C-alpha atoms as a PDB file:
ATOM      1  CA  MET A   1      -5.336 -18.700  47.118  1.00  0.00           C
ATOM      2  CA  THR A   2      -7.926 -18.213  44.354  1.00  0.00           C
ATOM      3  CA  THR A   3      -8.206 -14.529  45.238  1.00  0.00           C
ATOM      4  CA  VAL A   4      -4.445 -14.046  44.745  1.00  0.00           C
ATOM      5  CA  PHE A   5      -4.600 -15.659  41.280  1.00  0.00           C
ATOM      6  CA  ALA A   6      -7.726 -13.686  40.413  1.00  0.00           C
ATOM      7  CA  ARG A   7      -6.013 -10.458  41.485  1.00  0.00           C
ATOM      8  CA  HIS A   8      -2.901 -11.270  39.447  1.00  0.00           C
ATOM      9  CA  GLY A   9      -5.080 -12.189  36.469  1.00  0.00           C
ATOM     10  CA  LEU A  10      -6.993  -8.933  36.820  1.00  0.00           C
ATOM     11  CA  LEU A  11      -3.733  -6.969  37.083  1.00  0.00           C
ATOM     12  CA  ALA A  12      -2.367  -8.721  34.001  1.00  0.00           C
ATOM     13  CA  LEU A  13      -5.581  -7.988  32.090  1.00  0.00           C
ATOM     14  CA  LEU A  14      -5.511  -4.337  33.204  1.00  0.00           C
ATOM     15  CA  ALA A  15      -1.818  -3.995  32.237  1.00  0.00           C
ATOM     16  CA  SER A  16      -2.571  -5.525  28.853  1.00  0.00           C
ATOM     17  CA  ALA A  17      -5.499  -3.158  28.279  1.00  0.00           C
ATOM     18  CA  LEU A  18      -3.415  -0.142  29.274  1.00  0.00           C
ATOM     19  CA  SER A  19      -0.561  -1.093  26.979  1.00  0.00           C
ATOM     20  CA  ALA A  20      -3.016  -1.593  24.107  1.00  0.00           C
ATOM     21  CA  ALA A  21      -4.528   1.816  24.811  1.00  0.00           C
ATOM     22  CA  CYS A  22      -1.052   3.350  24.659  1.00  0.00           C
ATOM     23  CA  SER A  23      -0.039   1.666  21.395  1.00  0.00           C
ATOM     24  CA  PRO A  24      -0.047   4.058  18.454  1.00  0.00           C
ATOM     25  CA  THR A  25      -2.416   3.633  15.547  1.00  0.00           C
ATOM     26  CA  PHE A  26       0.435   4.311  13.152  1.00  0.00           C
ATOM     27  CA  ASP A  27       3.614   2.421  14.033  1.00  0.00           C
ATOM     28  CA  TRP A  28       5.861   3.277  11.063  1.00  0.00           C
ATOM     29  CA  ARG A  29       8.406   0.762   9.839  1.00  0.00           C
ATOM     30  CA  GLU A  30      10.517   0.186   6.751  1.00  0.00           C
ATOM     31  CA  ALA A  31       9.794  -2.618   4.286  1.00  0.00           C
ATOM     32  CA  ARG A  32      11.915  -3.835   1.387  1.00  0.00           C
ATOM     33  CA  PHE A  33      11.030  -5.939  -1.626  1.00  0.00           C
ATOM     34  CA  GLU A  34      12.982  -8.966  -2.801  1.00  0.00           C
ATOM     35  CA  GLY A  35      14.987  -8.199  -5.934  1.00  0.00           C
ATOM     36  CA  SER A  36      14.181  -4.477  -5.740  1.00  0.00           C
ATOM     37  CA  THR A  37      15.855  -1.366  -4.375  1.00  0.00           C
ATOM     38  CA  LEU A  38      12.507   0.139  -3.295  1.00  0.00           C
ATOM     39  CA  VAL A  39      12.033   0.899   0.380  1.00  0.00           C
ATOM     40  CA  ALA A  40       8.549   1.747   1.650  1.00  0.00           C
ATOM     41  CA  MET A  41       7.380   3.062   5.015  1.00  0.00           C
ATOM     42  CA  PHE A  42       4.306   1.242   6.331  1.00  0.00           C
ATOM     43  CA  PRO A  43       2.205   2.368   9.312  1.00  0.00           C
ATOM     44  CA  CYS A  44       1.884  -1.254  10.499  1.00  0.00           C
ATOM     45  CA  ARG A  45       3.636  -4.561   9.874  1.00  0.00           C
ATOM     46  CA  PRO A  46       2.804  -5.565   6.295  1.00  0.00           C
ATOM     47  CA  ASP A  47       1.895  -9.070   5.249  1.00  0.00           C
ATOM     48  CA  ARG A  48       3.601 -10.294   2.086  1.00  0.00           C
ATOM     49  CA  HIS A  49       1.802 -12.034  -0.757  1.00  0.00           C
ATOM     50  CA  GLU A  50       2.633 -13.237  -4.259  1.00  0.00           C
ATOM     51  CA  ARG A  51       0.324 -14.086  -7.111  1.00  0.00           C
ATOM     52  CA  PRO A  52       0.499 -14.604 -10.842  1.00  0.00           C
ATOM     53  CA  VAL A  53      -0.831 -11.742 -12.978  1.00  0.00           C
ATOM     54  CA  GLU A  54      -1.168 -10.936 -16.652  1.00  0.00           C
ATOM     55  CA  LEU A  55       0.075  -7.425 -17.243  1.00  0.00           C
ATOM     56  CA  ALA A  56       0.824  -5.719 -20.565  1.00  0.00           C
ATOM     57  CA  GLY A  57       0.292  -9.043 -22.313  1.00  0.00           C
ATOM     58  CA  ARG A  58       2.893 -10.838 -20.213  1.00  0.00           C
ATOM     59  CA  ARG A  59       2.455 -13.369 -17.423  1.00  0.00           C
ATOM     60  CA  ALA A  60       4.439 -12.355 -14.327  1.00  0.00           C
ATOM     61  CA  THR A  61       4.495 -12.631 -10.540  1.00  0.00           C
ATOM     62  CA  MET A  62       3.218  -9.734  -8.456  1.00  0.00           C
ATOM     63  CA  GLN A  63       4.767  -9.264  -5.018  1.00  0.00           C
ATOM     64  CA  MET A  64       2.590  -7.300  -2.595  1.00  0.00           C
ATOM     65  CA  SER A  65       3.076  -6.029   0.919  1.00  0.00           C
ATOM     66  CA  ALA A  66      -0.015  -4.696   2.683  1.00  0.00           C
ATOM     67  CA  CYS A  67      -1.358  -3.832   6.124  1.00  0.00           C
ATOM     68  CA  ALA A  68      -4.426  -2.166   7.580  1.00  0.00           C
ATOM     69  CA  THR A  69      -4.620   0.365  10.406  1.00  0.00           C
ATOM     70  CA  GLY A  70      -6.421   3.598  11.179  1.00  0.00           C
ATOM     71  CA  GLY A  71      -9.348   2.650   8.951  1.00  0.00           C
ATOM     72  CA  ALA A  72      -7.238   2.264   5.786  1.00  0.00           C
ATOM     73  CA  THR A  73      -5.286  -0.383   3.902  1.00  0.00           C
ATOM     74  CA  PHE A  74      -1.757   0.505   2.773  1.00  0.00           C
ATOM     75  CA  ALA A  75      -0.183  -1.580  -0.005  1.00  0.00           C
ATOM     76  CA  VAL A  76       2.766  -1.664  -2.374  1.00  0.00           C
ATOM     77  CA  SER A  77       2.977  -4.056  -5.333  1.00  0.00           C
ATOM     78  CA  VAL A  78       5.862  -4.785  -7.664  1.00  0.00           C
ATOM     79  CA  VAL A  79       5.906  -6.730 -10.925  1.00  0.00           C
ATOM     80  CA  ASP A  80       9.051  -7.548 -12.902  1.00  0.00           C
ATOM     81  CA  LEU A  81       7.973  -7.399 -16.550  1.00  0.00           C
ATOM     82  CA  GLY A  82      11.340  -8.305 -18.020  1.00  0.00           C
ATOM     83  CA  ALA A  83      11.091  -5.581 -20.698  1.00  0.00           C
ATOM     84  CA  PRO A  84      11.220  -1.807 -20.185  1.00  0.00           C
ATOM     85  CA  THR A  85       9.081  -1.234 -23.285  1.00  0.00           C
ATOM     86  CA  LEU A  86       6.074  -2.698 -21.428  1.00  0.00           C
ATOM     87  CA  ALA A  87       6.221  -0.220 -18.531  1.00  0.00           C
ATOM     88  CA  ALA A  88       3.835   2.465 -19.823  1.00  0.00           C
ATOM     89  CA  ALA A  89       1.182  -0.060 -20.870  1.00  0.00           C
ATOM     90  CA  ALA A  90       1.513  -1.892 -17.539  1.00  0.00           C
ATOM     91  CA  GLN A  91       1.141   1.344 -15.556  1.00  0.00           C
ATOM     92  CA  GLN A  92      -1.976   2.285 -17.546  1.00  0.00           C
ATOM     93  CA  GLN A  93      -3.434  -1.174 -16.961  1.00  0.00           C
ATOM     94  CA  LEU A  94      -2.668  -1.076 -13.206  1.00  0.00           C
ATOM     95  CA  ARG A  95      -4.323   2.341 -12.967  1.00  0.00           C
ATOM     96  CA  THR A  96      -7.447   1.103 -14.776  1.00  0.00           C
ATOM     97  CA  ILE A  97      -7.648  -1.987 -12.541  1.00  0.00           C
ATOM     98  CA  ALA A  98      -7.154   0.080  -9.370  1.00  0.00           C
ATOM     99  CA  VAL A  99     -10.065   2.375 -10.239  1.00  0.00           C
ATOM    100  CA  ALA A 100     -12.288  -0.545 -11.322  1.00  0.00           C
ATOM    101  CA  ASN A 101     -11.570  -2.468  -8.090  1.00  0.00           C
ATOM    102  CA  VAL A 102     -13.254   0.298  -6.078  1.00  0.00           C
ATOM    103  CA  GLN A 103     -15.857   1.105  -8.742  1.00  0.00           C
ATOM    104  CA  GLY A 104     -14.235   4.531  -8.823  1.00  0.00           C
ATOM    105  CA  ASP A 105     -15.713   7.416 -10.692  1.00  0.00           C
ATOM    106  CA  ALA A 106     -13.893  10.297 -12.364  1.00  0.00           C
ATOM    107  CA  PRO A 107     -10.406   9.582 -11.010  1.00  0.00           C
ATOM    108  CA  LYS A 108      -8.209  12.629 -10.580  1.00  0.00           C
ATOM    109  CA  VAL A 109      -4.849  11.725 -12.166  1.00  0.00           C
ATOM    110  CA  VAL A 110      -1.789  13.962 -11.864  1.00  0.00           C
ATOM    111  CA  PRO A 111       1.858  13.532 -12.906  1.00  0.00           C
ATOM    112  CA  TRP A 112       4.023  12.370  -9.996  1.00  0.00           C
ATOM    113  CA  ARG A 113       7.747  12.346  -9.343  1.00  0.00           C
ATOM    114  CA  LEU A 114       9.788   9.931  -7.283  1.00  0.00           C
ATOM    115  CA  ALA A 115      13.584  10.131  -7.311  1.00  0.00           C
ATOM    116  CA  GLY A 116      15.157   7.107  -8.958  1.00  0.00           C
ATOM    117  CA  THR A 117      12.252   6.131 -11.186  1.00  0.00           C
ATOM    118  CA  THR A 118      12.587   5.506 -14.878  1.00  0.00           C
ATOM    119  CA  PRO A 119      11.013   8.591 -16.467  1.00  0.00           C
ATOM    120  CA  ASN A 120       7.813   8.065 -18.421  1.00  0.00           C
ATOM    121  CA  SER A 121       4.550   9.921 -18.888  1.00  0.00           C
ATOM    122  CA  GLU A 122       2.585   7.260 -16.977  1.00  0.00           C
ATOM    123  CA  THR A 123       4.296   7.958 -13.636  1.00  0.00           C
ATOM    124  CA  THR A 124       1.192   9.301 -11.940  1.00  0.00           C
ATOM    125  CA  ARG A 125      -0.711   9.605  -8.717  1.00  0.00           C
ATOM    126  CA  LEU A 126      -4.496   9.327  -8.598  1.00  0.00           C
ATOM    127  CA  SER A 127      -7.374   9.736  -6.210  1.00  0.00           C
ATOM    128  CA  THR A 128     -10.902   8.479  -6.705  1.00  0.00           C
ATOM    129  CA  ARG A 129     -14.052   7.890  -4.711  1.00  0.00           C
ATOM    130  CA  GLY A 130     -15.748   4.543  -5.040  1.00  0.00           C
ATOM    131  CA  ARG A 131     -17.333   1.568  -3.335  1.00  0.00           C
ATOM    132  CA  LEU A 132     -16.137  -1.790  -2.127  1.00  0.00           C
ATOM    133  CA  PRO A 133     -18.014  -4.945  -3.179  1.00  0.00           C
ATOM    134  CA  ASP A 134     -19.996  -4.745   0.099  1.00  0.00           C
ATOM    135  CA  GLY A 135     -21.179  -1.232  -0.855  1.00  0.00           C
ATOM    136  CA  ALA A 136     -19.007   0.653   1.661  1.00  0.00           C
ATOM    137  CA  ALA A 137     -17.850   4.050   0.399  1.00  0.00           C
ATOM    138  CA  VAL A 138     -14.069   4.441   0.049  1.00  0.00           C
ATOM    139  CA  VAL A 139     -11.435   6.825  -1.196  1.00  0.00           C
ATOM    140  CA  GLU A 140      -8.441   5.420  -3.040  1.00  0.00           C
ATOM    141  CA  HIS A 141      -5.085   7.148  -3.433  1.00  0.00           C
ATOM    142  CA  ALA A 142      -2.502   5.392  -5.606  1.00  0.00           C
ATOM    143  CA  ALA A 143       0.816   6.022  -7.325  1.00  0.00           C
ATOM    144  CA  PHE A 144       2.189   4.156 -10.342  1.00  0.00           C
ATOM    145  CA  PHE A 145       5.878   4.190 -11.257  1.00  0.00           C
ATOM    146  CA  THR A 146       8.684   2.202 -12.864  1.00  0.00           C
ATOM    147  CA  GLN A 147      12.326   1.512 -12.248  1.00  0.00           C
ATOM    148  CA  GLY A 148      14.130  -0.496 -14.887  1.00  0.00           C
ATOM    149  CA  LEU A 149      12.149  -3.668 -15.593  1.00  0.00           C
ATOM    150  CA  LYS A 150       9.865  -3.331 -12.563  1.00  0.00           C
ATOM    151  CA  VAL A 151       6.484  -1.615 -12.337  1.00  0.00           C
ATOM    152  CA  TYR A 152       5.158  -0.475  -8.951  1.00  0.00           C
ATOM    153  CA  GLN A 153       1.833   0.517  -7.462  1.00  0.00           C
ATOM    154  CA  ALA A 154       1.464   2.080  -4.012  1.00  0.00           C
ATOM    155  CA  SER A 155      -2.097   2.437  -2.678  1.00  0.00           C
ATOM    156  CA  VAL A 156      -4.085   3.629   0.302  1.00  0.00           C
ATOM    157  CA  ILE A 157      -7.775   2.732   0.458  1.00  0.00           C
ATOM    158  CA  GLY A 158     -10.207   3.628   3.230  1.00  0.00           C
ATOM    159  CA  ALA A 159     -13.398   5.464   4.101  1.00  0.00           C
ATOM    160  CA  ALA A 160     -11.436   8.573   5.118  1.00  0.00           C
ATOM    161  CA  PRO A 161      -7.678   7.892   5.151  1.00  0.00           C
ATOM    162  CA  ASN A 162      -5.741   9.990   7.658  1.00  0.00           C
ATOM    163  CA  PRO A 163      -4.171  12.829   5.588  1.00  0.00           C
ATOM    164  CA  GLU A 164      -0.893  12.787   7.553  1.00  0.00           C
ATOM    165  CA  ALA A 165      -0.566   9.006   7.243  1.00  0.00           C
ATOM    166  CA  LEU A 166      -1.358   9.240   3.545  1.00  0.00           C
ATOM    167  CA  GLU A 167       1.408  11.766   2.894  1.00  0.00           C
ATOM    168  CA  THR A 168       3.892   9.950   5.160  1.00  0.00           C
ATOM    169  CA  PHE A 169       3.253   6.726   3.246  1.00  0.00           C
ATOM    170  CA  PHE A 170       3.834   8.253  -0.208  1.00  0.00           C
ATOM    171  CA  ALA A 171       6.779  10.383   0.986  1.00  0.00           C
ATOM    172  CA  GLY A 172       8.326   7.224   2.480  1.00  0.00           C
ATOM    173  CA  LEU A 173       8.730   5.544  -0.900  1.00  0.00           C
ATOM    174  CA  LYS A 174      12.365   5.666  -2.029  1.00  0.00           C
ATOM    175  CA  PHE A 175      14.917   3.771  -4.034  1.00  0.00           C
ATOM    176  CA  VAL A 176      18.192   2.971  -2.285  1.00  0.00           C
ATOM    177  CA  PRO A 177      21.435   1.647  -3.765  1.00  0.00           C
END
């Protein structure tokens, strides 16, 4: 009798291992943000977090969805500032914080376009090389944009983020009615 259970246990373990081996590294799914029309495509199921922040001289709540797969962390944050005049300053501040968080050096910043955003000169995408607090080398790619009263940051951080996953993530950001 023990042999039968051992065999079934072994078969179950083998089936589990095979299904894990067949699961994709990037399992794309759509995520939405409460009170926002932004839709993001994540390569794994994101966890949701909220925390208070001070941004552009105003205290607000930051919503964040993030997940890690394929050696990189993918995240999107949104902050409702309550005033469109604060958007440019908030985007500049988010960009500075993002680079500082990875001890980035000489970030490459370029203008970026996303349909549905509120136009401003601070809608940008950046890449920088840096280090995590543990000393591990990383590359950060991030985009900063606004729609109405909300400021957004989308980021990918990893030692060598998969180029296809990186582009799929940023191309998957969209505003829907």
